[in-house]
Amino acid sequence: MKKIWVYSTLIAYCFPFGYFAIYQDYKDGSMLGYLLLILGPAILAFINKLKGYTFLIVIGNLFSAGVSFYFSNQMAGVDRWGYYFKPLTATSLLFTISILNLIPQFMAFKLAKQKKKN
């Protein structure tokens, strides 16, 4: 059962949360992608801390950022994508939101730690 949880969590983290957020912003002008960027990894971090799989949080964030950077680089050749995120490039915005996304995950991690104590 442990292996199933680990693999399914890693697969869930392979979703490019950062790329999806900036793509939704670019395509539809929608902020819902950013909401998923905040909630998705935070929920995964909370559950993994409760289950005692802290290492999955670190590995999962690396996977998600890597997949997001891959897809972002695939969109780099699109002319309209380049000007949309001024003054940042899409890659620098992705890096920034990936770093800032660690804050809600850290808060969820702390909340799970408190809940686990009780």
PDB file of N, CA and C in Angstrom:
ATOM      1  N   MET A   1       0.818  -1.195   0.000  1.00  0.00           N
ATOM      2  CA  MET A   1       0.000   0.000   0.000  1.00  0.00           C
ATOM      3  C   MET A   1       0.864   1.262   0.000  1.00  0.00           C
ATOM      4  N   LYS A   2       2.014   1.171   0.682  1.00  0.00           N
ATOM      5  CA  LYS A   2       2.917   2.321   0.742  1.00  0.00           C
ATOM      6  C   LYS A   2       3.420   2.693  -0.653  1.00  0.00           C
ATOM      7  N   LYS A   3       3.774   1.692  -1.452  1.00  0.00           N
ATOM      8  CA  LYS A   3       4.274   1.965  -2.792  1.00  0.00           C
ATOM      9  C   LYS A   3       3.216   2.637  -3.656  1.00  0.00           C
ATOM     10  N   ILE A   4       1.984   2.184  -3.522  1.00  0.00           N
ATOM     11  CA  ILE A   4       0.902   2.793  -4.302  1.00  0.00           C
ATOM     12  C   ILE A   4       0.754   4.263  -3.942  1.00  0.00           C
ATOM     13  N   TRP A   5       0.804   4.579  -2.642  1.00  0.00           N
ATOM     14  CA  TRP A   5       0.677   5.975  -2.212  1.00  0.00           C
ATOM     15  C   TRP A   5       1.839   6.815  -2.746  1.00  0.00           C
ATOM     16  N   VAL A   6       3.047   6.304  -2.635  1.00  0.00           N
ATOM     17  CA  VAL A   6       4.229   7.037  -3.094  1.00  0.00           C
ATOM     18  C   VAL A   6       4.144   7.300  -4.589  1.00  0.00           C
ATOM     19  N   TYR A   7       3.831   6.280  -5.367  1.00  0.00           N
ATOM     20  CA  TYR A   7       3.757   6.457  -6.813  1.00  0.00           C
ATOM     21  C   TYR A   7       2.619   7.382  -7.224  1.00  0.00           C
ATOM     22  N   SER A   8       1.473   7.229  -6.604  1.00  0.00           N
ATOM     23  CA  SER A   8       0.345   8.092  -6.969  1.00  0.00           C
ATOM     24  C   SER A   8       0.607   9.540  -6.575  1.00  0.00           C
ATOM     25  N   THR A   9       1.289   9.755  -5.460  1.00  0.00           N
ATOM     26  CA  THR A   9       1.637  11.120  -5.063  1.00  0.00           C
ATOM     27  C   THR A   9       2.638  11.729  -6.034  1.00  0.00           C
ATOM     28  N   LEU A  10       3.628  10.959  -6.438  1.00  0.00           N
ATOM     29  CA  LEU A  10       4.601  11.472  -7.396  1.00  0.00           C
ATOM     30  C   LEU A  10       3.954  11.768  -8.742  1.00  0.00           C
ATOM     31  N   ILE A  11       3.006  10.945  -9.138  1.00  0.00           N
ATOM     32  CA  ILE A  11       2.281  11.214 -10.386  1.00  0.00           C
ATOM     33  C   ILE A  11       1.469  12.492 -10.258  1.00  0.00           C
ATOM     34  N   ALA A  12       0.820  12.679  -9.108  1.00  0.00           N
ATOM     35  CA  ALA A  12       0.045  13.911  -8.893  1.00  0.00           C
ATOM     36  C   ALA A  12       0.953  15.138  -8.913  1.00  0.00           C
ATOM     37  N   TYR A  13       2.139  15.017  -8.332  1.00  0.00           N
ATOM     38  CA  TYR A  13       3.078  16.132  -8.336  1.00  0.00           C
ATOM     39  C   TYR A  13       3.658  16.397  -9.726  1.00  0.00           C
ATOM     40  N   CYS A  14       3.612  15.417 -10.616  1.00  0.00           N
ATOM     41  CA  CYS A  14       4.126  15.633 -11.969  1.00  0.00           C
ATOM     42  C   CYS A  14       3.232  16.546 -12.787  1.00  0.00           C
ATOM     43  N   PHE A  15       2.045  16.852 -12.271  1.00  0.00           N
ATOM     44  CA  PHE A  15       1.200  17.830 -12.948  1.00  0.00           C
ATOM     45  C   PHE A  15       1.927  19.171 -12.922  1.00  0.00           C
ATOM     46  N   PRO A  16       2.057  19.843 -14.056  1.00  0.00           N
ATOM     47  CA  PRO A  16       2.800  21.117 -14.095  1.00  0.00           C
ATOM     48  C   PRO A  16       1.955  22.275 -13.558  1.00  0.00           C
ATOM     49  N   PHE A  17       1.857  22.369 -12.237  1.00  0.00           N
ATOM     50  CA  PHE A  17       1.012  23.381 -11.611  1.00  0.00           C
ATOM     51  C   PHE A  17       1.392  24.793 -12.043  1.00  0.00           C
ATOM     52  N   GLY A  18       2.686  25.104 -12.049  1.00  0.00           N
ATOM     53  CA  GLY A  18       3.144  26.443 -12.427  1.00  0.00           C
ATOM     54  C   GLY A  18       2.837  26.768 -13.875  1.00  0.00           C
ATOM     55  N   TYR A  19       3.132  25.840 -14.757  1.00  0.00           N
ATOM     56  CA  TYR A  19       2.851  26.054 -16.179  1.00  0.00           C
ATOM     57  C   TYR A  19       1.363  26.221 -16.412  1.00  0.00           C
ATOM     58  N   PHE A  20       0.555  25.379 -15.780  1.00  0.00           N
ATOM     59  CA  PHE A  20      -0.886  25.455 -15.953  1.00  0.00           C
ATOM     60  C   PHE A  20      -1.413  26.829 -15.522  1.00  0.00           C
ATOM     61  N   ALA A  21      -0.868  27.342 -14.436  1.00  0.00           N
ATOM     62  CA  ALA A  21      -1.310  28.650 -13.937  1.00  0.00           C
ATOM     63  C   ALA A  21      -1.000  29.761 -14.941  1.00  0.00           C
ATOM     64  N   ILE A  22       0.233  29.814 -15.430  1.00  0.00           N
ATOM     65  CA  ILE A  22       0.567  30.907 -16.345  1.00  0.00           C
ATOM     66  C   ILE A  22      -0.060  30.693 -17.720  1.00  0.00           C
ATOM     67  N   TYR A  23      -0.286  29.426 -18.106  1.00  0.00           N
ATOM     68  CA  TYR A  23      -0.953  29.176 -19.376  1.00  0.00           C
ATOM     69  C   TYR A  23      -2.412  29.615 -19.318  1.00  0.00           C
ATOM     70  N   GLN A  24      -3.096  29.326 -18.212  1.00  0.00           N
ATOM     71  CA  GLN A  24      -4.483  29.763 -18.057  1.00  0.00           C
ATOM     72  C   GLN A  24      -4.558  31.288 -18.048  1.00  0.00           C
ATOM     73  N   ASP A  25      -3.600  31.926 -17.418  1.00  0.00           N
ATOM     74  CA  ASP A  25      -3.550  33.387 -17.402  1.00  0.00           C
ATOM     75  C   ASP A  25      -3.363  33.915 -18.820  1.00  0.00           C
ATOM     76  N   TYR A  26      -2.453  33.326 -19.557  1.00  0.00           N
ATOM     77  CA  TYR A  26      -2.173  33.757 -20.932  1.00  0.00           C
ATOM     78  C   TYR A  26      -3.357  33.483 -21.853  1.00  0.00           C
ATOM     79  N   LYS A  27      -3.903  32.283 -21.775  1.00  0.00           N
ATOM     80  CA  LYS A  27      -4.937  31.873 -22.710  1.00  0.00           C
ATOM     81  C   LYS A  27      -6.279  32.544 -22.440  1.00  0.00           C
ATOM     82  N   ASP A  28      -6.719  32.538 -21.181  1.00  0.00           N
ATOM     83  CA  ASP A  28      -8.058  33.018 -20.846  1.00  0.00           C
ATOM     84  C   ASP A  28      -8.068  34.273 -19.988  1.00  0.00           C
ATOM     85  N   GLY A  29      -6.909  34.698 -19.508  1.00  0.00           N
ATOM     86  CA  GLY A  29      -6.873  35.804 -18.563  1.00  0.00           C
ATOM     87  C   GLY A  29      -7.467  35.395 -17.221  1.00  0.00           C
ATOM     88  N   SER A  30      -7.486  34.096 -16.962  1.00  0.00           N
ATOM     89  CA  SER A  30      -8.121  33.540 -15.765  1.00  0.00           C
ATOM     90  C   SER A  30      -7.100  33.350 -14.649  1.00  0.00           C
ATOM     91  N   MET A  31      -7.515  33.651 -13.444  1.00  0.00           N
ATOM     92  CA  MET A  31      -6.664  33.451 -12.276  1.00  0.00           C
ATOM     93  C   MET A  31      -6.918  32.098 -11.610  1.00  0.00           C
ATOM     94  N   LEU A  32      -7.832  31.300 -12.163  1.00  0.00           N
ATOM     95  CA  LEU A  32      -8.139  30.000 -11.568  1.00  0.00           C
ATOM     96  C   LEU A  32      -6.933  29.064 -11.576  1.00  0.00           C
ATOM     97  N   GLY A  33      -6.080  29.200 -12.557  1.00  0.00           N
ATOM     98  CA  GLY A  33      -4.866  28.391 -12.593  1.00  0.00           C
ATOM     99  C   GLY A  33      -3.966  28.679 -11.406  1.00  0.00           C
ATOM    100  N   TYR A  34      -3.908  29.936 -11.000  1.00  0.00           N
ATOM    101  CA  TYR A  34      -3.100  30.292  -9.832  1.00  0.00           C
ATOM    102  C   TYR A  34      -3.708  29.724  -8.556  1.00  0.00           C
ATOM    103  N   LEU A  35      -5.048  29.654  -8.508  1.00  0.00           N
ATOM    104  CA  LEU A  35      -5.710  29.044  -7.352  1.00  0.00           C
ATOM    105  C   LEU A  35      -5.344  27.571  -7.261  1.00  0.00           C
ATOM    106  N   LEU A  36      -5.353  26.871  -8.398  1.00  0.00           N
ATOM    107  CA  LEU A  36      -4.933  25.471  -8.413  1.00  0.00           C
ATOM    108  C   LEU A  36      -3.454  25.350  -8.022  1.00  0.00           C
ATOM    109  N   LEU A  37      -2.649  26.302  -8.450  1.00  0.00           N
ATOM    110  CA  LEU A  37      -1.227  26.308  -8.104  1.00  0.00           C
ATOM    111  C   LEU A  37      -1.031  26.411  -6.592  1.00  0.00           C
ATOM    112  N   ILE A  38      -1.874  27.167  -5.932  1.00  0.00           N
ATOM    113  CA  ILE A  38      -1.754  27.329  -4.487  1.00  0.00           C
ATOM    114  C   ILE A  38      -2.338  26.124  -3.754  1.00  0.00           C
ATOM    115  N   LEU A  39      -3.543  25.716  -4.142  1.00  0.00           N
ATOM    116  CA  LEU A  39      -4.250  24.676  -3.395  1.00  0.00           C
ATOM    117  C   LEU A  39      -3.720  23.266  -3.649  1.00  0.00           C
ATOM    118  N   GLY A  40      -3.431  22.933  -4.895  1.00  0.00           N
ATOM    119  CA  GLY A  40      -3.003  21.570  -5.225  1.00  0.00           C
ATOM    120  C   GLY A  40      -1.779  21.102  -4.446  1.00  0.00           C
ATOM    121  N   PRO A  41      -0.653  21.766  -4.589  1.00  0.00           N
ATOM    122  CA  PRO A  41       0.531  21.332  -3.855  1.00  0.00           C
ATOM    123  C   PRO A  41       0.400  21.489  -2.334  1.00  0.00           C
ATOM    124  N   ALA A  42      -0.378  22.474  -1.879  1.00  0.00           N
ATOM    125  CA  ALA A  42      -0.564  22.649  -0.434  1.00  0.00           C
ATOM    126  C   ALA A  42      -1.331  21.460   0.148  1.00  0.00           C
ATOM    127  N   ILE A  43      -2.345  21.005  -0.557  1.00  0.00           N
ATOM    128  CA  ILE A  43      -3.107  19.841  -0.098  1.00  0.00           C
ATOM    129  C   ILE A  43      -2.227  18.590  -0.123  1.00  0.00           C
ATOM    130  N   LEU A  44      -1.454  18.444  -1.181  1.00  0.00           N
ATOM    131  CA  LEU A  44      -0.539  17.304  -1.256  1.00  0.00           C
ATOM    132  C   LEU A  44       0.490  17.349  -0.124  1.00  0.00           C
ATOM    133  N   ALA A  45       1.008  18.530   0.182  1.00  0.00           N
ATOM    134  CA  ALA A  45       1.983  18.665   1.270  1.00  0.00           C
ATOM    135  C   ALA A  45       1.337  18.320   2.612  1.00  0.00           C
ATOM    136  N   PHE A  46       0.118  18.784   2.825  1.00  0.00           N
ATOM    137  CA  PHE A  46      -0.590  18.507   4.077  1.00  0.00           C
ATOM    138  C   PHE A  46      -0.784  17.006   4.271  1.00  0.00           C
ATOM    139  N   ILE A  47      -1.295  16.340   3.251  1.00  0.00           N
ATOM    140  CA  ILE A  47      -1.571  14.904   3.352  1.00  0.00           C
ATOM    141  C   ILE A  47      -0.286  14.108   3.522  1.00  0.00           C
ATOM    142  N   ASN A  48       0.751  14.483   2.770  1.00  0.00           N
ATOM    143  CA  ASN A  48       2.013  13.746   2.866  1.00  0.00           C
ATOM    144  C   ASN A  48       2.676  13.928   4.217  1.00  0.00           C
ATOM    145  N   LYS A  49       2.551  15.091   4.810  1.00  0.00           N
ATOM    146  CA  LYS A  49       3.106  15.294   6.155  1.00  0.00           C
ATOM    147  C   LYS A  49       2.333  14.465   7.165  1.00  0.00           C
ATOM    148  N   LEU A  50       1.000  14.421   7.035  1.00  0.00           N
ATOM    149  CA  LEU A  50       0.204  13.599   7.954  1.00  0.00           C
ATOM    150  C   LEU A  50       0.582  12.132   7.854  1.00  0.00           C
ATOM    151  N   LYS A  51       0.854  11.669   6.645  1.00  0.00           N
ATOM    152  CA  LYS A  51       1.205  10.263   6.438  1.00  0.00           C
ATOM    153  C   LYS A  51       2.679   9.987   6.737  1.00  0.00           C
ATOM    154  N   GLY A  52       3.470  11.050   6.932  1.00  0.00           N
ATOM    155  CA  GLY A  52       4.876  10.864   7.264  1.00  0.00           C
ATOM    156  C   GLY A  52       5.806  10.748   6.068  1.00  0.00           C
ATOM    157  N   TYR A  53       5.362  11.211   4.915  1.00  0.00           N
ATOM    158  CA  TYR A  53       6.177  11.138   3.703  1.00  0.00           C
ATOM    159  C   TYR A  53       6.704  12.522   3.329  1.00  0.00           C
ATOM    160  N   THR A  54       7.495  13.091   4.190  1.00  0.00           N
ATOM    161  CA  THR A  54       8.021  14.431   3.960  1.00  0.00           C
ATOM    162  C   THR A  54       8.899  14.487   2.717  1.00  0.00           C
ATOM    163  N   PHE A  55       9.628  13.431   2.444  1.00  0.00           N
ATOM    164  CA  PHE A  55      10.521  13.417   1.283  1.00  0.00           C
ATOM    165  C   PHE A  55       9.748  13.576  -0.031  1.00  0.00           C
ATOM    166  N   LEU A  56       8.479  13.150  -0.055  1.00  0.00           N
ATOM    167  CA  LEU A  56       7.689  13.285  -1.276  1.00  0.00           C
ATOM    168  C   LEU A  56       7.385  14.744  -1.602  1.00  0.00           C
ATOM    169  N   ILE A  57       7.319  15.573  -0.579  1.00  0.00           N
ATOM    170  CA  ILE A  57       7.055  16.997  -0.804  1.00  0.00           C
ATOM    171  C   ILE A  57       8.209  17.620  -1.578  1.00  0.00           C
ATOM    172  N   VAL A  58       9.407  17.320  -1.165  1.00  0.00           N
ATOM    173  CA  VAL A  58      10.593  17.872  -1.828  1.00  0.00           C
ATOM    174  C   VAL A  58      10.729  17.321  -3.248  1.00  0.00           C
ATOM    175  N   ILE A  59      10.660  16.011  -3.372  1.00  0.00           N
ATOM    176  CA  ILE A  59      10.804  15.389  -4.689  1.00  0.00           C
ATOM    177  C   ILE A  59       9.674  15.830  -5.612  1.00  0.00           C
ATOM    178  N   GLY A  60       8.463  15.888  -5.087  1.00  0.00           N
ATOM    179  CA  GLY A  60       7.314  16.289  -5.886  1.00  0.00           C
ATOM    180  C   GLY A  60       7.415  17.711  -6.405  1.00  0.00           C
ATOM    181  N   ASN A  61       7.888  18.623  -5.566  1.00  0.00           N
ATOM    182  CA  ASN A  61       8.064  20.003  -6.017  1.00  0.00           C
ATOM    183  C   ASN A  61       9.112  20.101  -7.117  1.00  0.00           C
ATOM    184  N   LEU A  62      10.152  19.318  -7.006  1.00  0.00           N
ATOM    185  CA  LEU A  62      11.166  19.301  -8.064  1.00  0.00           C
ATOM    186  C   LEU A  62      10.584  18.749  -9.367  1.00  0.00           C
ATOM    187  N   PHE A  63       9.793  17.695  -9.265  1.00  0.00           N
ATOM    188  CA  PHE A  63       9.146  17.136 -10.457  1.00  0.00           C
ATOM    189  C   PHE A  63       8.223  18.157 -11.108  1.00  0.00           C
ATOM    190  N   SER A  64       7.364  18.780 -10.291  1.00  0.00           N
ATOM    191  CA  SER A  64       6.392  19.732 -10.820  1.00  0.00           C
ATOM    192  C   SER A  64       7.093  20.925 -11.480  1.00  0.00           C
ATOM    193  N   ALA A  65       8.115  21.439 -10.831  1.00  0.00           N
ATOM    194  CA  ALA A  65       8.856  22.572 -11.406  1.00  0.00           C
ATOM    195  C   ALA A  65       9.558  22.153 -12.700  1.00  0.00           C
ATOM    196  N   GLY A  66      10.133  20.971 -12.708  1.00  0.00           N
ATOM    197  CA  GLY A  66      10.818  20.492 -13.911  1.00  0.00           C
ATOM    198  C   GLY A  66       9.879  20.324 -15.088  1.00  0.00           C
ATOM    199  N   VAL A  67       8.727  19.722 -14.855  1.00  0.00           N
ATOM    200  CA  VAL A  67       7.752  19.535 -15.927  1.00  0.00           C
ATOM    201  C   VAL A  67       7.223  20.897 -16.386  1.00  0.00           C
ATOM    202  N   SER A  68       6.997  21.804 -15.435  1.00  0.00           N
ATOM    203  CA  SER A  68       6.522  23.144 -15.790  1.00  0.00           C
ATOM    204  C   SER A  68       7.545  23.893 -16.639  1.00  0.00           C
ATOM    205  N   PHE A  69       8.819  23.815 -16.264  1.00  0.00           N
ATOM    206  CA  PHE A  69       9.856  24.485 -17.051  1.00  0.00           C
ATOM    207  C   PHE A  69       9.971  23.868 -18.445  1.00  0.00           C
ATOM    208  N   TYR A  70       9.809  22.563 -18.555  1.00  0.00           N
ATOM    209  CA  TYR A  70       9.838  21.919 -19.862  1.00  0.00           C
ATOM    210  C   TYR A  70       8.740  22.478 -20.765  1.00  0.00           C
ATOM    211  N   PHE A  71       7.503  22.489 -20.267  1.00  0.00           N
ATOM    212  CA  PHE A  71       6.395  22.987 -21.078  1.00  0.00           C
ATOM    213  C   PHE A  71       6.512  24.478 -21.355  1.00  0.00           C
ATOM    214  N   SER A  72       7.020  25.221 -20.406  1.00  0.00           N
ATOM    215  CA  SER A  72       7.213  26.655 -20.620  1.00  0.00           C
ATOM    216  C   SER A  72       8.226  26.904 -21.726  1.00  0.00           C
ATOM    217  N   ASN A  73       9.281  26.117 -21.753  1.00  0.00           N
ATOM    218  CA  ASN A  73      10.281  26.267 -22.813  1.00  0.00           C
ATOM    219  C   ASN A  73       9.716  25.854 -24.163  1.00  0.00           C
ATOM    220  N   GLN A  74       8.757  24.937 -24.178  1.00  0.00           N
ATOM    221  CA  GLN A  74       8.111  24.559 -25.432  1.00  0.00           C
ATOM    222  C   GLN A  74       7.280  25.719 -25.988  1.00  0.00           C
ATOM    223  N   MET A  75       6.750  26.557 -25.094  1.00  0.00           N
ATOM    224  CA  MET A  75       5.942  27.704 -25.513  1.00  0.00           C
ATOM    225  C   MET A  75       6.794  28.940 -25.792  1.00  0.00           C
ATOM    226  N   ALA A  76       8.080  28.869 -25.535  1.00  0.00           N
ATOM    227  CA  ALA A  76       8.945  30.044 -25.674  1.00  0.00           C
ATOM    228  C   ALA A  76       8.968  30.583 -27.091  1.00  0.00           C
ATOM    229  N   GLY A  77       8.745  29.741 -28.087  1.00  0.00           N
ATOM    230  CA  GLY A  77       8.779  30.185 -29.468  1.00  0.00           C
ATOM    231  C   GLY A  77       7.525  30.918 -29.919  1.00  0.00           C
ATOM    232  N   VAL A  78       6.474  30.866 -29.121  1.00  0.00           N
ATOM    233  CA  VAL A  78       5.228  31.528 -29.486  1.00  0.00           C
ATOM    234  C   VAL A  78       5.400  33.031 -29.275  1.00  0.00           C
ATOM    235  N   ASP A  79       5.149  33.801 -30.327  1.00  0.00           N
ATOM    236  CA  ASP A  79       5.388  35.244 -30.266  1.00  0.00           C
ATOM    237  C   ASP A  79       4.577  35.943 -29.185  1.00  0.00           C
ATOM    238  N   ARG A  80       3.299  35.626 -29.070  1.00  0.00           N
ATOM    239  CA  ARG A  80       2.454  36.328 -28.103  1.00  0.00           C
ATOM    240  C   ARG A  80       2.805  35.983 -26.672  1.00  0.00           C
ATOM    241  N   TRP A  81       3.309  34.801 -26.415  1.00  0.00           N
ATOM    242  CA  TRP A  81       3.681  34.360 -25.072  1.00  0.00           C
ATOM    243  C   TRP A  81       4.805  35.233 -24.524  1.00  0.00           C
ATOM    244  N   GLY A  82       5.701  35.671 -25.409  1.00  0.00           N
ATOM    245  CA  GLY A  82       6.874  36.433 -24.982  1.00  0.00           C
ATOM    246  C   GLY A  82       6.567  37.786 -24.383  1.00  0.00           C
ATOM    247  N   TYR A  83       5.568  38.477 -24.878  1.00  0.00           N
ATOM    248  CA  TYR A  83       5.291  39.822 -24.370  1.00  0.00           C
ATOM    249  C   TYR A  83       4.299  39.819 -23.212  1.00  0.00           C
ATOM    250  N   TYR A  84       3.573  38.754 -23.020  1.00  0.00           N
ATOM    251  CA  TYR A  84       2.437  38.756 -22.109  1.00  0.00           C
ATOM    252  C   TYR A  84       2.814  38.995 -20.651  1.00  0.00           C
ATOM    253  N   PHE A  85       3.914  38.483 -20.211  1.00  0.00           N
ATOM    254  CA  PHE A  85       4.281  38.536 -18.798  1.00  0.00           C
ATOM    255  C   PHE A  85       5.299  39.629 -18.488  1.00  0.00           C
ATOM    256  N   LYS A  86       5.308  40.703 -19.252  1.00  0.00           N
ATOM    257  CA  LYS A  86       6.255  41.799 -19.039  1.00  0.00           C
ATOM    258  C   LYS A  86       6.056  42.402 -17.668  1.00  0.00           C
ATOM    259  N   PRO A  87       7.063  42.765 -16.978  1.00  0.00           N
ATOM    260  CA  PRO A  87       8.476  42.870 -17.314  1.00  0.00           C
ATOM    261  C   PRO A  87       9.228  41.548 -17.175  1.00  0.00           C
ATOM    262  N   LEU A  88       8.562  40.491 -16.704  1.00  0.00           N
ATOM    263  CA  LEU A  88       9.218  39.197 -16.576  1.00  0.00           C
ATOM    264  C   LEU A  88       9.040  38.382 -17.849  1.00  0.00           C
ATOM    265  N   THR A  89       9.925  37.452 -18.054  1.00  0.00           N
ATOM    266  CA  THR A  89       9.704  36.460 -19.098  1.00  0.00           C
ATOM    267  C   THR A  89       8.856  35.351 -18.491  1.00  0.00           C
ATOM    268  N   ALA A  90       8.309  34.492 -19.319  1.00  0.00           N
ATOM    269  CA  ALA A  90       7.493  33.390 -18.809  1.00  0.00           C
ATOM    270  C   ALA A  90       8.320  32.482 -17.899  1.00  0.00           C
ATOM    271  N   THR A  91       9.566  32.260 -18.245  1.00  0.00           N
ATOM    272  CA  THR A  91      10.423  31.400 -17.441  1.00  0.00           C
ATOM    273  C   THR A  91      10.736  32.029 -16.095  1.00  0.00           C
ATOM    274  N   SER A  92      11.029  33.322 -16.067  1.00  0.00           N
ATOM    275  CA  SER A  92      11.314  33.969 -14.790  1.00  0.00           C
ATOM    276  C   SER A  92      10.062  34.064 -13.920  1.00  0.00           C
ATOM    277  N   LEU A  93       8.892  34.251 -14.537  1.00  0.00           N
ATOM    278  CA  LEU A  93       7.643  34.238 -13.775  1.00  0.00           C
ATOM    279  C   LEU A  93       7.397  32.854 -13.204  1.00  0.00           C
ATOM    280  N   LEU A  94       7.651  31.829 -13.999  1.00  0.00           N
ATOM    281  CA  LEU A  94       7.479  30.459 -13.535  1.00  0.00           C
ATOM    282  C   LEU A  94       8.408  30.159 -12.368  1.00  0.00           C
ATOM    283  N   PHE A  95       9.637  30.596 -12.453  1.00  0.00           N
ATOM    284  CA  PHE A  95      10.584  30.412 -11.354  1.00  0.00           C
ATOM    285  C   PHE A  95      10.094  31.147 -10.109  1.00  0.00           C
ATOM    286  N   THR A  96       9.619  32.370 -10.282  1.00  0.00           N
ATOM    287  CA  THR A  96       9.148  33.173  -9.151  1.00  0.00           C
ATOM    288  C   THR A  96       7.942  32.530  -8.475  1.00  0.00           C
ATOM    289  N   ILE A  97       6.948  32.113  -9.266  1.00  0.00           N
ATOM    290  CA  ILE A  97       5.772  31.520  -8.639  1.00  0.00           C
ATOM    291  C   ILE A  97       6.067  30.143  -8.056  1.00  0.00           C
ATOM    292  N   SER A  98       7.036  29.442  -8.608  1.00  0.00           N
ATOM    293  CA  SER A  98       7.426  28.153  -8.035  1.00  0.00           C
ATOM    294  C   SER A  98       8.051  28.347  -6.654  1.00  0.00           C
ATOM    295  N   ILE A  99       8.845  29.384  -6.511  1.00  0.00           N
ATOM    296  CA  ILE A  99       9.446  29.684  -5.209  1.00  0.00           C
ATOM    297  C   ILE A  99       8.380  30.188  -4.239  1.00  0.00           C
ATOM    298  N   LEU A 100       7.533  31.110  -4.691  1.00  0.00           N
ATOM    299  CA  LEU A 100       6.483  31.640  -3.820  1.00  0.00           C
ATOM    300  C   LEU A 100       5.462  30.579  -3.433  1.00  0.00           C
ATOM    301  N   ASN A 101       5.287  29.569  -4.274  1.00  0.00           N
ATOM    302  CA  ASN A 101       4.349  28.498  -3.980  1.00  0.00           C
ATOM    303  C   ASN A 101       4.801  27.643  -2.800  1.00  0.00           C
ATOM    304  N   LEU A 102       6.042  27.764  -2.414  1.00  0.00           N
ATOM    305  CA  LEU A 102       6.525  27.018  -1.258  1.00  0.00           C
ATOM    306  C   LEU A 102       5.933  27.569   0.043  1.00  0.00           C
ATOM    307  N   ILE A 103       5.506  28.823   0.047  1.00  0.00           N
ATOM    308  CA  ILE A 103       4.949  29.434   1.265  1.00  0.00           C
ATOM    309  C   ILE A 103       3.657  28.741   1.702  1.00  0.00           C
ATOM    310  N   PRO A 104       2.626  28.598   0.819  1.00  0.00           N
ATOM    311  CA  PRO A 104       1.432  27.885   1.285  1.00  0.00           C
ATOM    312  C   PRO A 104       1.700  26.413   1.618  1.00  0.00           C
ATOM    313  N   GLN A 105       2.657  25.822   0.942  1.00  0.00           N
ATOM    314  CA  GLN A 105       3.003  24.443   1.267  1.00  0.00           C
ATOM    315  C   GLN A 105       3.648  24.352   2.643  1.00  0.00           C
ATOM    316  N   PHE A 106       4.481  25.315   2.966  1.00  0.00           N
ATOM    317  CA  PHE A 106       5.101  25.353   4.285  1.00  0.00           C
ATOM    318  C   PHE A 106       4.035  25.547   5.365  1.00  0.00           C
ATOM    319  N   MET A 107       3.054  26.401   5.084  1.00  0.00           N
ATOM    320  CA  MET A 107       1.969  26.623   6.037  1.00  0.00           C
ATOM    321  C   MET A 107       1.150  25.336   6.219  1.00  0.00           C
ATOM    322  N   ALA A 108       0.874  24.627   5.138  1.00  0.00           N
ATOM    323  CA  ALA A 108       0.138  23.361   5.218  1.00  0.00           C
ATOM    324  C   ALA A 108       0.963  22.316   5.961  1.00  0.00           C
ATOM    325  N   PHE A 109       2.254  22.323   5.746  1.00  0.00           N
ATOM    326  CA  PHE A 109       3.172  21.413   6.429  1.00  0.00           C
ATOM    327  C   PHE A 109       3.116  21.654   7.935  1.00  0.00           C
ATOM    328  N   LYS A 110       3.174  22.923   8.341  1.00  0.00           N
ATOM    329  CA  LYS A 110       3.114  23.274   9.770  1.00  0.00           C
ATOM    330  C   LYS A 110       1.761  22.898  10.376  1.00  0.00           C
ATOM    331  N   LEU A 111       0.693  23.138   9.623  1.00  0.00           N
ATOM    332  CA  LEU A 111      -0.645  22.788  10.091  1.00  0.00           C
ATOM    333  C   LEU A 111      -0.771  21.279  10.292  1.00  0.00           C
ATOM    334  N   ALA A 112      -0.255  20.498   9.365  1.00  0.00           N
ATOM    335  CA  ALA A 112      -0.287  19.045   9.487  1.00  0.00           C
ATOM    336  C   ALA A 112       0.558  18.581  10.667  1.00  0.00           C
ATOM    337  N   LYS A 113       1.657  19.252  10.895  1.00  0.00           N
ATOM    338  CA  LYS A 113       2.530  18.906  12.021  1.00  0.00           C
ATOM    339  C   LYS A 113       1.809  19.133  13.342  1.00  0.00           C
ATOM    340  N   GLN A 114       1.086  20.262  13.453  1.00  0.00           N
ATOM    341  CA  GLN A 114       0.307  20.539  14.653  1.00  0.00           C
ATOM    342  C   GLN A 114      -0.815  19.535  14.823  1.00  0.00           C
ATOM    343  N   LYS A 115      -1.484  19.207  13.739  1.00  0.00           N
ATOM    344  CA  LYS A 115      -2.594  18.255  13.802  1.00  0.00           C
ATOM    345  C   LYS A 115      -2.104  16.866  14.193  1.00  0.00           C
ATOM    346  N   LYS A 116      -0.931  16.519  13.713  1.00  0.00           N
ATOM    347  CA  LYS A 116      -0.357  15.194  14.023  1.00  0.00           C
ATOM    348  C   LYS A 116      -0.001  15.077  15.495  1.00  0.00           C
ATOM    349  N   LYS A 117       0.422  16.199  16.106  1.00  0.00           N
ATOM    350  CA  LYS A 117       0.754  16.188  17.537  1.00  0.00           C
ATOM    351  C   LYS A 117      -0.479  15.909  18.390  1.00  0.00           C
ATOM    352  N   ASN A 118      -1.609  16.446  17.970  1.00  0.00           N
ATOM    353  CA  ASN A 118      -2.848  16.297  18.769  1.00  0.00           C
ATOM    354  C   ASN A 118      -3.461  14.971  18.597  1.00  0.00           C
TER     355      ASN A 118
END
